[in-house]
Structures are given as C-alpha cells and as structure tokens.
C-alpha cells in the first residue's frame, strides 16, 4: 500500500507541475495581461473610482454597499468578505514564507506583478458572473464559471457541446478541491498550529491510533463550522462580515509593529526585493544562487495561490450579491486581490525579510530554516511567546474562514450538477469531512486537491479569454455611463427579462443615492 501511495504522489507531482507551472502560470499571466489591455488598464486609469466605489462606499451615507435588498441575497460588502474569507488562508502566512525561502526576496516582486494583472482577471470573472447569473428554485442568485461557460461560451458557433462539458468538469473540480484544499488541508494546518502553540507538552494518548488532542480539536471545529455552514450563505456571509475585517486589520497591525521594530533595515528589505527580482545569482555564485526562473515561478505561484484570481472560485459568492452593475462587482474583485496580495501578503513578506533568517545580501535563507514556522518565529522575536500564539490564532482564523468560503463554492458546484436539494447532502458531508482533516497525517490529500484546484482554472480561463470582447464592451458601457456621463443603454444581463428588471432597480437605486447625497 505504501508503494501505491508513493507512486500516486509521484504521478500527482508530475501532473501538478504541468498544470500549474508549465501551463497554468503562463495561461494566468496571459489572461491577466489580455484583460488589462482590453479594459484599458482599468486598475490604474480608474484607480480613484474603484476605490471610491468599493471600500469608500462602505462609509458613504445612503450607499447600497452594505444593505441587503432581500433575504435571498447578500450585500456587496458581505460578498467581498466571504470571498476574502475563502482566499485569505494559510497561504497568506506560510505560503509567502515558503516563496521567499525557496525563491528569495525577489519572489515578492513577481508576486506583486501577478497580483497587478490578477486584479483584472478577477474583475473579468466577476463581470461575467453577474452578467450570466440567474435565480435558482429557492430564489437565490446562482452564478459562476459554469454558467458563463454554458451560456456565454456556449452561445458561440460550434461551442455548445464543449462548453457544457467544460462547465461540468469545472464543477466536478470545484467539489473535489473544496474537500481537499478548502477543507481537510486547512483544518490540518489549524490542528498542527494549535498543537504547536498550546499543546506542545501535552499528551492525552490515542483512540484507535488517533491522537485525542487532534480528535477533540476536530470535533470542536466540526460543530462550529456546522452551525455556520448549515445555516446557508446568509449565515456564512454574516460571520465573514464580522470576522474578516477584524482578522485582516489585526494581522496587518501586528505586522506593522514588527516592521517598525526593524525600521532601520526597511530600506535594505525593499532593495533586496528589487535586486533579486531578476535572479542576480552572481552575488553568491552559480548554482548556489537563486536563479531567475525559480524567483519568477515562486512569486507568480504565491500571488495566484493567495488571491485565486483565474480559478473562477470567488465568482460564485460575488454573484450572490445584491449588485445590479456587473462592473461594480468586478471592482470589488479588484479590491479583493489588492487586499489579499498587495496588502496582507506584503505584510507577511516584510515580517519574513525582517526576521534575520533571510540574508538580505545573498537572498538565501539561513540553514535549517523551516518556512512553515518562519512567520511565527519572526513574531516571537518581537513579542516573545505571545507572538507565536498570535500567529497560531491568526492561522486559525484565516484557515477556518477559508473552510466556510469553500463550503459555498462546493455547494454551488453541486447545485449546478444536481440541483438545490443535493446541496443539503453536500453540506453535511463537507462538515463531517472536517474530522478527517484533523486526524490526517499525510499531505497527499492536500497535494491532490491542489492539482484539482489547478484544473479549475483551465476551463475558467478559456471562457474568460473567449468572452474578453464582451467584458470590454460591458466595461466601456459602464465608463461611458457612470464616469463620462453619456446616456447609453446599460449592459446588465444576458437575459432580457433580468436586463429589464435590473434597469428598473438600477434607476431607482441611483435616484435614492442622489437624494441621500443632497440631503433630501
């Protein structure tokens, strides 16, 4: 049996390397560059506008951003928080540390590049998600890559059958990935970190060969997750709305304190990022250095793994918001990538580079450095034992909210394949599988699910590229109407009935916002 698992791990490694490195990264960057050009560098040219219409609108009186229009939808801000809950996982902490240890400080630069173009990939996914969404039998919005594959790509000549096959495959990959990287992998990381921080010297024995501590933590997490997940998207969104801003701000503040403690080396940190971005291996000589291919690969992989732009995952929750404008939810997608990678991952990178475990002159990690505990050690150097406990709790919150977000992704994929009734069975199985994550000792399940995660992006990006002219038209339509003030008919939905309904609701919404602004 061991030989079989070794063989399976080897085969999965080859497939994962092919789908992520040989194909995935190239396809992801190509799509990001394409969508950036198609939208005329929207993330830069309209920076002030998307900031104002996303996080800025949260504080604007009378804004619909934080309001729910009915019990079957969630607010735009809740959609963002739920999407961030799924993307801000252990990768934002341990993953970034691994990228720097393997690829050197220069990997951070390429992580930024991946995020810059990933903003417009995520933007495009969300625009298409809103444009092709529809109401299910329960009156809830359903949207995602499977719908713009079936109805968007499927509307093109000779693409009807292949588009439905790709939509079905995408849904299957989402379900498989949700159990692995979205559930068991995250839970396993939680258990390992809690054991290290709080139960390092505690031995409660085993039950049927399973450590009692693992079992107890797993049961507690299963019960808590069950209470939230089985309550549906509204309960998940309500929880995410409260916990995500808190955990993000707390982690950023903690990271800033670590940065200011090492303020004297901040210049050297950023200098090393740019100096090693192009693999200057001559500094340490030949093979001992960090070669450019390794730097770029690690940076791109961490940027993509972190914000999931291009996977088509967060579209499924963004499509459930009460927004009428596809571009408006697209802008929340830009903000999502910005917060997840440009802000949170950069904070982790600064903590890692200021830890003293990375030589800023050579770009190499100190001998014996463990990237899984590097951030915890860096915080421990500043805050002592409290710092290590803080990171353990941060990993708990980041990973647990990821589980909640992925439960929704999986349920939407099940709904597409088998209908709304089947989602109840899926949710129960998903919650029970949390126990498996707590007691699992092999990383094989995580590795295999990571491969399925990579498979998700292929059909999704095929659809985004094929529908790029439509994204360009919808974006131009929005810019003409909302920014340039031209009187043109809005592009809101592929369905004539939903288009008409959205137009009427949009007119009413804008009218009410104007009244609020002038104090009427």
Protein backbone atom coordinates (compact mmCIF):
# COMPACT_ATOMS: atom_id res chain seq x y z
CA UNK A 1 0.00 0.00 0.00
CA UNK A 2 2.88 2.37 0.82
CA UNK A 3 4.31 1.71 -2.62
CA UNK A 4 0.97 2.63 -4.19
CA UNK A 5 0.77 5.91 -2.29
CA UNK A 6 4.37 6.73 -3.21
CA UNK A 7 3.51 6.08 -6.87
CA UNK A 8 0.33 8.19 -6.59
CA UNK A 9 2.28 11.05 -5.02
CA UNK A 10 4.87 10.90 -7.81
CA UNK A 11 2.23 10.90 -10.56
CA UNK A 12 0.33 13.73 -8.89
CA UNK A 13 3.56 15.72 -8.60
CA UNK A 14 4.18 15.44 -12.34
CA UNK A 15 0.59 16.42 -13.20
CA UNK A 16 0.56 19.28 -10.69
CA UNK A 17 3.86 20.65 -12.01
CA UNK A 18 2.50 20.51 -15.56
CA UNK A 19 -0.86 22.13 -14.83
CA UNK A 20 0.49 24.83 -12.52
CA UNK A 21 3.94 25.65 -13.86
CA UNK A 22 4.06 24.54 -17.50
CA UNK A 23 0.52 25.61 -18.43
CA UNK A 24 -1.26 27.38 -15.60
CA UNK A 25 1.10 30.24 -14.82
CA UNK A 26 1.54 31.10 -18.50
CA UNK A 27 -2.22 30.98 -19.11
CA UNK A 28 -2.93 33.03 -15.99
CA UNK A 29 -0.46 35.77 -16.81
CA UNK A 30 -1.58 35.84 -20.45
CA UNK A 31 -5.21 36.24 -19.38
CA UNK A 32 -4.32 38.96 -16.87
CA UNK A 33 -2.35 40.91 -19.48
CA UNK A 34 -5.13 40.44 -22.07
CA UNK A 35 -7.88 41.65 -19.73
CA UNK A 36 -5.75 44.57 -18.56
CA UNK A 37 -5.32 45.67 -22.18
CA UNK A 38 -8.98 45.00 -23.09
CA UNK A 39 -10.15 47.22 -20.23
CA UNK A 40 -7.50 49.86 -20.99
CA UNK A 41 -5.62 49.34 -17.71
CA UNK A 42 -8.77 49.93 -15.67
CA UNK A 43 -6.99 49.14 -12.37
CA UNK A 44 -4.73 52.16 -12.96
CA UNK A 45 -6.71 54.60 -15.10
CA UNK A 46 -9.74 54.39 -12.81
CA UNK A 47 -7.93 53.73 -9.52
CA UNK A 48 -9.71 56.51 -7.66
CA UNK A 49 -13.10 55.42 -8.98
CA UNK A 50 -12.87 51.75 -7.95
CA UNK A 51 -11.52 52.70 -4.53
CA UNK A 52 -14.43 55.12 -4.09
CA UNK A 53 -17.00 52.56 -5.30
CA UNK A 54 -15.65 49.71 -3.15
CA UNK A 55 -14.21 50.39 0.29
CA UNK A 56 -15.06 54.09 0.00
CA UNK A 57 -18.74 53.32 -0.48
CA UNK A 58 -18.87 51.45 2.86
CA UNK A 59 -18.58 54.79 4.65
CA UNK A 60 -20.86 56.70 2.28
CA UNK A 61 -24.27 57.63 3.61
CA UNK A 62 -27.12 56.04 1.72
CA UNK A 63 -24.89 53.60 -0.17
CA UNK A 64 -26.37 50.21 -1.06
CA UNK A 65 -22.99 48.55 -0.49
CA UNK A 66 -23.78 47.23 2.98
CA UNK A 67 -27.55 46.90 2.51
CA UNK A 68 -29.39 43.67 1.70
CA UNK A 69 -32.27 44.15 -0.70
CA UNK A 70 -33.94 40.85 0.25
CA UNK A 71 -33.42 37.69 2.33
CA UNK A 72 -32.19 35.74 -0.69
CA UNK A 73 -29.18 37.97 -1.41
CA UNK A 74 -26.15 39.26 0.44
CA UNK A 75 -24.71 42.77 0.35
CA UNK A 76 -21.73 43.70 -1.82
CA UNK A 77 -19.56 44.07 1.28
CA UNK A 78 -20.66 40.67 2.58
CA UNK A 79 -19.80 39.15 -0.81
CA UNK A 80 -16.30 40.67 -0.58
CA UNK A 81 -15.78 39.43 2.98
CA UNK A 82 -16.97 35.93 2.11
CA UNK A 83 -14.66 35.84 -0.93
CA UNK A 84 -11.76 37.10 1.19
CA UNK A 85 -12.66 34.51 3.81
CA UNK A 86 -12.05 31.80 1.20
CA UNK A 87 -8.86 33.31 -0.27
CA UNK A 88 -7.15 34.56 2.90
CA UNK A 89 -5.93 31.21 4.19
CA UNK A 90 -2.71 29.65 5.36
CA UNK A 91 -1.12 30.63 2.05
CA UNK A 92 -1.04 34.27 3.13
CA UNK A 93 1.25 33.33 6.01
CA UNK A 94 3.13 30.05 5.50
CA UNK A 95 2.81 30.23 1.70
CA UNK A 96 4.52 33.60 1.36
CA UNK A 97 7.25 32.49 3.74
CA UNK A 98 7.83 29.43 1.55
CA UNK A 99 8.03 31.61 -1.58
CA UNK A 100 10.72 33.80 -0.02
CA UNK A 101 12.70 30.86 1.39
CA UNK A 102 12.66 28.99 -1.95
CA UNK A 103 12.70 31.89 -4.41
CA UNK A 104 14.46 34.56 -2.37
CA UNK A 105 13.35 38.17 -1.70
CA UNK A 106 12.83 38.76 -5.43
CA UNK A 107 9.81 36.44 -5.38
CA UNK A 108 7.87 39.23 -3.67
CA UNK A 109 8.27 41.47 -6.72
CA UNK A 110 6.79 38.82 -9.02
CA UNK A 111 4.02 38.23 -6.50
CA UNK A 112 3.11 41.91 -6.96
CA UNK A 113 3.21 41.56 -10.75
CA UNK A 114 0.91 38.53 -10.60
CA UNK A 115 -1.48 40.49 -8.38
CA UNK A 116 -1.43 43.53 -10.66
CA UNK A 117 -2.61 41.54 -13.67
CA UNK A 118 -4.69 39.22 -11.48
CA UNK A 119 -6.81 42.22 -10.50
CA UNK A 120 -8.24 42.39 -14.00
CA UNK A 121 -8.65 38.62 -14.29
CA UNK A 122 -10.73 38.68 -11.10
CA UNK A 123 -12.55 41.77 -12.36
CA UNK A 124 -13.46 39.99 -15.60
CA UNK A 125 -14.63 36.85 -13.82
CA UNK A 126 -16.97 38.84 -11.61
CA UNK A 127 -18.31 40.92 -14.51
CA UNK A 128 -19.18 37.71 -16.35
CA UNK A 129 -20.52 36.13 -13.17
CA UNK A 130 -23.06 38.92 -12.64
CA UNK A 131 -23.93 39.17 -16.33
CA UNK A 132 -24.72 35.44 -16.68
CA UNK A 133 -26.23 34.72 -13.25
CA UNK A 134 -29.85 33.63 -12.69
CA UNK A 135 -32.22 32.83 -9.82
CA UNK A 136 -32.44 29.22 -8.63
CA UNK A 137 -35.58 27.43 -7.37
CA UNK A 138 -35.07 28.88 -3.88
CA UNK A 139 -34.94 32.42 -5.27
CA UNK A 140 -31.20 32.80 -4.65
CA UNK A 141 -28.73 34.11 -7.21
CA UNK A 142 -26.56 31.44 -8.84
CA UNK A 143 -23.55 32.41 -10.88
CA UNK A 144 -20.05 31.27 -11.63
CA UNK A 145 -17.75 29.96 -14.32
CA UNK A 146 -20.07 27.03 -15.07
CA UNK A 147 -22.81 29.46 -16.12
CA UNK A 148 -20.73 31.75 -18.31
CA UNK A 149 -19.15 28.65 -19.80
CA UNK A 150 -22.54 27.10 -20.65
CA UNK A 151 -24.38 30.29 -21.70
CA UNK A 152 -21.52 32.56 -22.72
CA UNK A 153 -19.02 30.31 -24.46
CA UNK A 154 -21.93 28.03 -25.40
CA UNK A 155 -23.56 30.80 -27.43
CA UNK A 156 -20.63 30.85 -29.83
CA UNK A 157 -20.70 28.82 -33.05
CA UNK A 158 -19.86 25.11 -32.64
CA UNK A 159 -19.18 25.58 -28.89
CA UNK A 160 -22.49 24.44 -27.37
CA UNK A 161 -21.47 20.87 -26.50
CA UNK A 162 -17.86 21.52 -25.50
CA UNK A 163 -18.91 24.44 -23.31
CA UNK A 164 -21.29 22.24 -21.31
CA UNK A 165 -18.62 19.58 -20.91
CA UNK A 166 -16.19 22.19 -19.62
CA UNK A 167 -18.85 23.59 -17.26
CA UNK A 168 -19.48 20.12 -15.83
CA UNK A 169 -15.75 19.43 -15.46
CA UNK A 170 -15.23 22.77 -13.74
CA UNK A 171 -17.99 21.93 -11.25
CA UNK A 172 -16.50 18.49 -10.52
CA UNK A 173 -13.06 20.02 -9.93
CA UNK A 174 -14.56 22.62 -7.58
CA UNK A 175 -16.24 19.91 -5.49
CA UNK A 176 -13.06 17.83 -5.25
CA UNK A 177 -10.91 20.87 -4.41
CA UNK A 178 -13.43 22.01 -1.78
CA UNK A 179 -12.94 18.80 0.21
CA UNK A 180 -9.16 18.97 -0.05
CA UNK A 181 -7.59 22.42 -0.15
CA UNK A 182 -10.81 24.07 1.01
CA UNK A 183 -11.46 21.77 3.95
CA UNK A 184 -9.11 18.99 5.09
CA UNK A 185 -5.91 20.83 4.19
CA UNK A 186 -6.94 23.99 6.07
CA UNK A 187 -8.20 22.05 9.11
CA UNK A 188 -4.98 20.03 9.24
CA UNK A 189 -2.94 23.26 9.32
CA UNK A 190 -5.14 24.61 12.13
CA UNK A 191 -4.63 21.49 14.25
CA UNK A 192 -0.86 21.44 13.71
CA UNK A 193 -0.50 25.12 14.68
CA UNK A 194 -2.74 24.85 17.74
CA UNK A 195 -0.82 21.79 18.91
CA UNK A 196 2.49 23.60 18.48
CA UNK A 197 1.33 26.77 20.28
CA UNK A 198 -0.77 25.34 23.10
CA UNK A 199 -0.34 21.58 23.43
CA UNK A 200 3.33 21.01 22.69
CA UNK A 201 3.98 19.26 26.01
CA UNK A 202 0.55 17.67 26.42
CA UNK A 203 -0.08 14.00 25.68
CA UNK A 204 -3.64 12.75 26.18
CA UNK A 205 -2.98 9.45 24.48
CA UNK A 206 -4.71 7.99 21.46
CA UNK A 207 -8.02 6.42 20.47
CA UNK A 208 -7.74 3.75 17.78
CA UNK A 209 -4.34 5.19 16.93
CA UNK A 210 -5.69 8.75 16.61
CA UNK A 211 -4.28 11.43 18.96
CA UNK A 212 -7.01 12.56 21.36
CA UNK A 213 -5.99 16.22 21.00
CA UNK A 214 -6.47 16.06 17.24
CA UNK A 215 -9.85 14.41 17.68
CA UNK A 216 -11.08 16.96 20.24
CA UNK A 217 -9.98 19.94 18.13
CA UNK A 218 -11.53 18.35 15.04
CA UNK A 219 -14.88 17.76 16.76
CA UNK A 220 -14.94 21.34 18.10
CA UNK A 221 -14.20 22.77 14.65
CA UNK A 222 -16.78 20.48 13.04
CA UNK A 223 -19.53 21.64 15.42
CA UNK A 224 -18.66 25.32 14.98
CA UNK A 225 -18.43 25.03 11.20
CA UNK A 226 -21.66 23.04 11.07
CA UNK A 227 -23.58 25.73 12.91
CA UNK A 228 -22.45 28.30 10.33
CA UNK A 229 -22.37 26.28 7.09
CA UNK A 230 -25.71 24.54 7.54
CA UNK A 231 -27.28 27.96 8.05
CA UNK A 232 -26.64 28.80 4.40
CA UNK A 233 -24.86 31.63 2.61
CA UNK A 234 -26.55 34.35 4.68
CA UNK A 235 -25.07 32.94 7.90
CA UNK A 236 -21.64 32.42 6.30
CA UNK A 237 -21.69 35.98 4.93
CA UNK A 238 -22.84 37.43 8.26
CA UNK A 239 -19.97 35.65 10.05
CA UNK A 240 -17.42 36.66 7.39
CA UNK A 241 -18.57 40.29 7.52
CA UNK A 242 -17.67 40.42 11.20
CA UNK A 243 -14.53 38.29 11.38
CA UNK A 244 -12.66 39.06 8.11
CA UNK A 245 -12.12 42.81 8.64
CA UNK A 246 -11.08 42.11 12.24
CA UNK A 247 -8.59 39.38 11.37
CA UNK A 248 -7.12 41.29 8.43
CA UNK A 249 -6.66 44.54 10.37
CA UNK A 250 -5.26 42.72 13.42
CA UNK A 251 -2.71 40.84 11.33
CA UNK A 252 -1.71 44.00 9.42
CA UNK A 253 -1.25 45.96 12.67
CA UNK A 254 0.86 43.16 14.17
CA UNK A 255 2.99 43.02 11.02
CA UNK A 256 3.45 46.80 11.03
CA UNK A 257 4.71 46.65 14.63
CA UNK A 258 7.27 44.03 13.61
CA UNK A 259 8.24 46.25 10.66
CA UNK A 260 8.70 49.34 12.83
CA UNK A 261 10.83 47.40 15.32
CA UNK A 262 13.15 46.69 12.37
CA UNK A 263 12.64 50.09 10.72
CA UNK A 264 16.39 50.50 10.30
CA UNK A 265 16.52 47.66 7.80
CA UNK A 266 13.39 48.59 5.82
CA UNK A 267 15.46 50.13 3.03
CA UNK A 268 17.62 47.02 2.72
CA UNK A 269 14.47 44.85 2.65
CA UNK A 270 12.93 46.62 -0.33
CA UNK A 271 16.31 46.93 -2.03
CA UNK A 272 16.75 43.15 -1.79
CA UNK A 273 13.27 42.59 -3.28
CA UNK A 274 14.13 44.57 -6.41
CA UNK A 275 17.76 43.44 -6.57
CA UNK A 276 16.88 39.75 -6.54
CA UNK A 277 13.73 40.07 -8.67
CA UNK A 278 15.76 39.20 -11.75
CA UNK A 279 17.78 36.43 -10.15
CA UNK A 280 21.16 38.04 -9.60
CA UNK A 281 22.80 34.73 -8.71
CA UNK A 282 26.27 36.17 -9.33
CA UNK A 283 26.14 37.62 -5.81
CA UNK A 284 26.67 34.17 -4.32
CA UNK A 285 27.93 32.39 -7.39
CA UNK A 286 26.45 29.93 -9.84
CA UNK A 287 24.16 27.17 -8.68
CA UNK A 288 24.24 28.37 -5.09
CA UNK A 289 22.25 31.43 -6.02
CA UNK A 290 18.56 31.86 -6.65
CA UNK A 291 18.06 31.60 -10.41
CA UNK A 292 15.56 33.82 -12.16
CA UNK A 293 13.19 31.01 -13.20
CA UNK A 294 12.86 29.97 -9.58
CA UNK A 295 12.27 33.55 -8.44
CA UNK A 296 9.56 34.22 -11.02
CA UNK A 297 7.84 30.86 -10.55
CA UNK A 298 7.66 31.19 -6.77
CA UNK A 299 6.41 34.78 -6.96
CA UNK A 300 3.73 34.03 -9.54
CA UNK A 301 2.62 30.85 -7.78
CA UNK A 302 2.25 32.61 -4.44
CA UNK A 303 0.35 35.50 -5.98
CA UNK A 304 -2.06 33.14 -7.73
CA UNK A 305 -2.42 30.68 -4.84
CA UNK A 306 -3.12 33.55 -2.50
CA UNK A 307 -5.82 35.54 -4.32
CA UNK A 308 -7.17 32.71 -6.55
CA UNK A 309 -7.67 35.15 -9.44
CA UNK A 310 -8.22 32.98 -12.51
CA UNK A 311 -9.56 29.93 -10.72
CA UNK A 312 -13.17 31.10 -11.02
CA UNK A 313 -13.84 30.30 -7.36
CA UNK A 314 -14.80 33.61 -5.74
CA UNK A 315 -17.17 34.40 -8.62
CA UNK A 316 -19.67 32.02 -7.06
CA UNK A 317 -20.07 34.20 -3.97
CA UNK A 318 -19.68 37.57 -5.73
CA UNK A 319 -22.58 36.55 -8.00
CA UNK A 320 -24.84 36.25 -4.95
CA UNK A 321 -24.61 39.95 -4.07
CA UNK A 322 -27.43 42.45 -4.47
CA UNK A 323 -25.46 44.46 -7.05
CA UNK A 324 -27.06 45.37 -10.40
CA UNK A 325 -23.96 46.57 -12.25
CA UNK A 326 -21.58 43.78 -13.39
CA UNK A 327 -18.67 46.24 -13.39
CA UNK A 328 -19.39 47.33 -9.83
CA UNK A 329 -18.95 43.78 -8.55
CA UNK A 330 -15.94 43.50 -10.83
CA UNK A 331 -14.37 46.40 -8.95
CA UNK A 332 -14.89 44.51 -5.70
CA UNK A 333 -12.88 41.74 -7.37
CA UNK A 334 -10.04 44.21 -7.98
CA UNK A 335 -10.18 45.28 -4.33
CA UNK A 336 -10.21 41.64 -3.20
CA UNK A 337 -6.90 40.92 -4.96
CA UNK A 338 -5.46 44.22 -3.75
CA UNK A 339 -6.18 43.44 -0.08
CA UNK A 340 -5.27 39.77 -0.23
CA UNK A 341 -1.95 40.01 -2.06
CA UNK A 342 -0.74 43.61 -2.23
CA UNK A 343 -1.57 44.28 1.43
CA UNK A 344 -1.70 41.07 3.50
CA UNK A 345 0.91 39.02 1.60
CA UNK A 346 3.25 42.03 1.50
CA UNK A 347 2.94 42.34 5.28
CA UNK A 348 3.98 38.70 5.62
CA UNK A 349 6.91 39.25 3.26
CA UNK A 350 8.12 42.22 5.32
CA UNK A 351 7.88 40.16 8.52
CA UNK A 352 9.86 37.32 6.92
CA UNK A 353 12.56 39.60 5.48
CA UNK A 354 12.97 41.43 8.78
CA UNK A 355 13.26 38.19 10.76
CA UNK A 356 17.00 37.88 10.31
CA UNK A 357 16.55 34.38 8.90
CA UNK A 358 16.90 35.67 5.32
CA UNK A 359 20.29 37.07 4.31
CA UNK A 360 19.46 40.33 2.50
CA UNK A 361 22.89 40.37 0.89
CA UNK A 362 22.77 36.90 -0.66
CA UNK A 363 18.99 36.39 -0.76
CA UNK A 364 19.36 32.95 0.82
CA UNK A 365 17.62 31.55 3.89
CA UNK A 366 19.66 30.59 6.92
CA UNK A 367 20.49 26.90 7.24
CA UNK A 368 17.74 24.86 8.87
CA UNK A 369 15.01 27.48 8.38
CA UNK A 370 11.52 25.98 8.34
CA UNK A 371 9.20 28.09 6.18
CA UNK A 372 6.14 26.63 7.94
CA UNK A 373 7.14 28.25 11.27
CA UNK A 374 9.20 31.19 10.00
CA UNK A 375 6.49 33.83 10.46
CA UNK A 376 5.72 32.51 13.93
CA UNK A 377 9.42 32.75 14.85
CA UNK A 378 9.64 36.29 13.45
CA UNK A 379 6.70 37.42 15.59
CA UNK A 380 8.19 35.54 18.54
CA UNK A 381 11.42 37.53 18.21
CA UNK A 382 9.43 40.74 18.78
CA UNK A 383 6.56 39.69 21.06
CA UNK A 384 8.00 36.58 22.69
CA UNK A 385 5.69 33.63 23.31
CA UNK A 386 2.69 35.94 22.73
CA UNK A 387 3.84 36.43 19.14
CA UNK A 388 3.83 32.71 18.41
CA UNK A 389 0.38 32.39 19.99
CA UNK A 390 -0.83 35.33 17.89
CA UNK A 391 0.26 33.61 14.66
CA UNK A 392 -1.36 30.35 15.75
CA UNK A 393 -4.64 32.21 16.31
CA UNK A 394 -4.22 34.12 13.04
CA UNK A 395 -3.74 30.81 11.20
CA UNK A 396 -6.85 29.50 12.96
CA UNK A 397 -8.99 32.43 11.78
CA UNK A 398 -7.53 32.57 8.28
CA UNK A 399 -7.87 28.83 7.68
CA UNK A 400 -11.29 28.44 9.33
CA UNK A 401 -12.86 31.21 7.28
CA UNK A 402 -11.35 29.60 4.17
CA UNK A 403 -13.27 26.44 5.03
CA UNK A 404 -16.50 28.42 5.28
CA UNK A 405 -15.98 30.14 1.93
CA UNK A 406 -15.12 26.93 0.12
CA UNK A 407 -18.22 25.22 1.50
CA UNK A 408 -20.27 27.71 -0.51
CA UNK A 409 -18.19 27.18 -3.64
CA UNK A 410 -18.69 23.43 -3.44
CA UNK A 411 -22.43 23.76 -2.79
CA UNK A 412 -22.86 25.96 -5.88
CA UNK A 413 -20.99 23.42 -8.00
CA UNK A 414 -23.24 20.65 -6.65
CA UNK A 415 -26.29 22.82 -7.36
CA UNK A 416 -25.23 23.21 -11.00
CA UNK A 417 -24.76 19.46 -11.44
CA UNK A 418 -27.60 18.04 -9.32
CA UNK A 419 -29.97 20.81 -8.21
CA UNK A 420 -30.58 22.71 -4.97
CA UNK A 421 -31.77 19.69 -2.93
CA UNK A 422 -28.42 17.93 -3.40
CA UNK A 423 -26.59 20.86 -1.76
CA UNK A 424 -28.00 19.89 1.65
CA UNK A 425 -26.39 16.45 1.41
CA UNK A 426 -23.13 18.02 0.23
CA UNK A 427 -23.01 20.42 3.20
CA UNK A 428 -23.49 17.59 5.71
CA UNK A 429 -20.70 15.54 4.10
CA UNK A 430 -18.48 18.63 3.93
CA UNK A 431 -18.92 19.29 7.66
CA UNK A 432 -18.23 15.66 8.60
CA UNK A 433 -15.04 15.64 6.49
CA UNK A 434 -13.58 18.26 8.87
CA UNK A 435 -12.80 15.38 11.25
CA UNK A 436 -10.71 13.74 8.51
CA UNK A 437 -8.65 16.90 8.15
CA UNK A 438 -7.98 16.99 11.89
CA UNK A 439 -6.63 13.44 12.09
CA UNK A 440 -4.91 13.23 8.69
CA UNK A 441 -1.15 12.72 8.80
CA UNK A 442 -0.33 12.58 5.07
CA UNK A 443 -0.11 15.65 2.86
CA UNK A 444 -1.15 13.60 -0.19
CA UNK A 445 -4.82 14.63 0.06
CA UNK A 446 -3.74 18.28 0.13
CA UNK A 447 -1.42 17.82 -2.84
CA UNK A 448 -4.05 16.04 -4.95
CA UNK A 449 -6.70 18.66 -4.18
CA UNK A 450 -4.18 21.35 -5.10
CA UNK A 451 -3.94 19.69 -8.52
CA UNK A 452 -7.73 19.76 -8.88
CA UNK A 453 -7.56 23.42 -7.89
CA UNK A 454 -5.26 23.94 -10.84
CA UNK A 455 -7.59 22.04 -13.16
CA UNK A 456 -10.36 24.53 -12.27
CA UNK A 457 -8.58 27.41 -13.91
CA UNK A 458 -8.25 25.84 -17.38
CA UNK A 459 -11.97 25.85 -18.38
CA UNK A 460 -12.49 29.10 -16.50
CA UNK A 461 -9.72 30.95 -18.31
CA UNK A 462 -10.82 29.52 -21.66
CA UNK A 463 -14.21 31.18 -21.05
CA UNK A 464 -12.68 34.48 -19.85
CA UNK A 465 -10.43 34.74 -22.90
CA UNK A 466 -13.24 33.77 -25.31
CA UNK A 467 -15.58 36.32 -23.73
CA UNK A 468 -12.98 39.08 -23.39
CA UNK A 469 -14.67 41.24 -26.10
CA UNK A 470 -17.90 41.11 -24.06
CA UNK A 471 -16.06 42.16 -20.88
CA UNK A 472 -14.52 45.05 -22.83
CA UNK A 473 -17.98 46.16 -24.08
CA UNK A 474 -19.57 45.96 -20.63
CA UNK A 475 -16.66 47.91 -19.11
CA UNK A 476 -16.77 50.61 -21.80
CA UNK A 477 -20.55 50.83 -21.37
CA UNK A 478 -20.12 51.43 -17.62
CA UNK A 479 -17.33 54.00 -18.09
CA UNK A 480 -19.41 55.89 -20.65
CA UNK A 481 -22.49 55.99 -18.39
CA UNK A 482 -21.11 56.29 -14.87
CA UNK A 483 -17.84 58.17 -15.39
CA UNK A 484 -18.27 60.14 -18.63
CA UNK A 485 -22.00 60.80 -18.10
CA UNK A 486 -23.16 59.60 -21.52
CA UNK A 487 -26.76 58.47 -21.97
CA UNK A 488 -26.47 54.91 -23.25
CA UNK A 489 -28.44 51.76 -22.50
CA UNK A 490 -26.72 49.74 -19.74
CA UNK A 491 -25.45 46.19 -20.27
CA UNK A 492 -26.53 44.30 -17.15
CA UNK A 493 -27.65 40.77 -18.05
CA UNK A 494 -27.67 38.23 -20.86
CA UNK A 495 -31.35 37.54 -20.09
CA UNK A 496 -33.79 40.16 -21.50
CA UNK A 497 -36.15 39.83 -18.51
CA UNK A 498 -33.35 40.16 -15.97
CA UNK A 499 -31.92 43.06 -18.01
CA UNK A 500 -35.24 44.93 -17.82
CA UNK A 501 -35.65 44.24 -14.12
CA UNK A 502 -32.09 45.31 -13.35
CA UNK A 503 -32.52 48.53 -15.36
CA UNK A 504 -35.59 49.50 -13.31
CA UNK A 505 -33.93 48.66 -9.99
CA UNK A 506 -30.73 50.44 -11.01
CA UNK A 507 -32.60 53.64 -11.90
CA UNK A 508 -34.32 53.58 -8.52
CA UNK A 509 -31.07 52.86 -6.69
CA UNK A 510 -29.19 55.73 -8.34
CA UNK A 511 -32.12 58.06 -7.69
CA UNK A 512 -32.08 57.24 -3.97
CA UNK A 513 -28.30 57.69 -3.78
CA UNK A 514 -28.56 61.14 -5.35
CA UNK A 515 -31.25 62.12 -2.85
CA UNK A 516 -29.07 60.97 0.04
CA UNK A 517 -26.08 62.92 -1.29
CA UNK A 518 -28.04 66.19 -1.48
CA UNK A 519 -29.76 65.55 1.85
CA UNK A 520 -33.31 65.14 0.54
